[in-house]
Amino acid sequence: MRSGLALTSQYADIRRACEVAGLTLAETAFGADVRMPCHEHGLAHFYLVLHGACTDSHGGTADHSGMDSLGMSPTPGMSLRKSYG
């Protein structure tokens, strides 16, 4: 089954993507100064930070993920902001 996710972004370089057992895996690179505006995701997802760091701000809290850490997006439909560094 295809996920139907759009693998495009004005904020990142999507280097490669594939589907394994119904999951979409994508290697995505963000610049160190990227600040994404408030947005929502239709599906929950996990991400692994390979270099740098990522901060998700949502519901009055901020979750920081540094290098070699695994993060999870908030509940689908919840608004969040992302920053990379």
Protein backbone atom coordinates (compact mmCIF):
# COMPACT_ATOMS: atom_id res chain seq x y z
CA MET A 1 0.00 0.00 0.00
CA ARG A 2 1.35 3.41 -0.94
CA SER A 3 1.42 6.01 1.81
CA GLY A 4 0.34 8.86 -0.45
CA LEU A 5 2.64 11.25 1.38
CA ALA A 6 4.05 14.13 -0.62
CA LEU A 7 7.82 13.92 -0.30
CA THR A 8 8.53 17.55 -1.13
CA SER A 9 9.59 20.43 1.07
CA GLN A 10 10.55 24.05 0.61
CA TYR A 11 12.55 23.79 3.86
CA ALA A 12 14.66 20.68 3.23
CA ASP A 13 16.63 18.63 0.76
CA ILE A 14 14.97 15.20 0.50
CA ARG A 15 17.95 13.11 -0.48
CA ARG A 16 16.30 9.71 -0.89
CA ALA A 17 13.14 7.87 0.07
CA CYS A 18 11.76 4.34 -0.10
CA GLU A 19 8.86 2.32 1.20
CA VAL A 20 9.45 -0.70 3.45
CA ALA A 21 6.63 -2.84 4.85
CA GLY A 22 4.14 0.00 4.33
CA LEU A 23 6.35 2.63 6.00
CA THR A 24 7.88 5.53 4.11
CA LEU A 25 11.54 6.10 5.01
CA ALA A 26 13.16 9.36 3.91
CA GLU A 27 16.60 10.86 4.41
CA THR A 28 16.07 14.60 4.69
CA ALA A 29 18.63 17.36 5.29
CA PHE A 30 17.71 20.71 6.85
CA GLY A 31 19.96 23.77 7.05
CA ALA A 32 21.20 24.86 10.47
CA ASP A 33 19.12 28.04 10.44
CA VAL A 34 15.77 26.62 9.24
CA ARG A 35 12.71 27.79 11.20
CA MET A 36 9.45 26.24 10.02
CA PRO A 37 6.24 28.17 10.70
CA CYS A 38 3.31 26.69 12.58
CA HIS A 39 2.01 23.61 10.75
CA GLU A 40 0.32 20.24 11.27
CA HIS A 41 1.05 16.67 10.17
CA GLY A 42 -1.72 14.36 9.00
CA LEU A 43 0.09 11.27 10.31
CA ALA A 44 2.29 10.56 13.32
CA HIS A 45 5.94 9.97 12.46
CA PHE A 46 9.32 9.29 14.00
CA TYR A 47 12.61 10.92 13.07
CA LEU A 48 16.24 10.15 13.82
CA VAL A 49 18.61 13.11 14.12
CA LEU A 50 21.92 12.15 12.48
CA HIS A 51 23.63 15.57 12.60
CA GLY A 52 22.83 18.80 14.43
CA ALA A 53 19.59 19.15 16.39
CA CYS A 54 15.84 19.62 16.03
CA THR A 55 13.37 21.36 18.34
CA ASP A 56 9.59 20.78 18.15
CA SER A 57 7.52 23.48 19.88
CA HIS A 58 3.89 22.56 20.55
CA GLY A 59 1.27 23.03 23.23
CA GLY A 60 3.47 25.40 25.24
CA THR A 61 6.36 22.90 25.43
CA ALA A 62 9.54 22.40 23.44
CA ASP A 63 11.08 18.99 22.75
CA HIS A 64 14.77 19.11 21.82
CA SER A 65 16.38 16.22 19.93
CA GLY A 66 20.16 16.26 19.58
CA MET A 67 22.42 14.16 17.40
CA ASP A 68 21.74 10.40 17.53
CA SER A 69 18.35 10.84 19.18
CA LEU A 70 14.97 9.51 18.11
CA GLY A 71 12.01 11.88 18.18
CA MET A 72 8.30 11.56 17.47
CA SER A 73 5.99 14.15 16.00
CA PRO A 74 3.09 15.17 18.20
CA THR A 75 -0.40 13.82 17.77
CA PRO A 76 -1.65 14.15 14.18
CA GLY A 77 -3.54 17.40 13.77
CA MET A 78 -1.65 19.18 16.58
CA SER A 79 0.01 22.46 15.54
CA LEU A 80 3.77 22.72 15.96
CA ARG A 81 6.80 24.72 14.93
CA LYS A 82 10.20 23.21 14.10
CA SER A 83 13.66 24.67 14.21
CA TYR A 84 16.96 23.09 13.24
CA GLY A 85 20.47 23.85 14.32
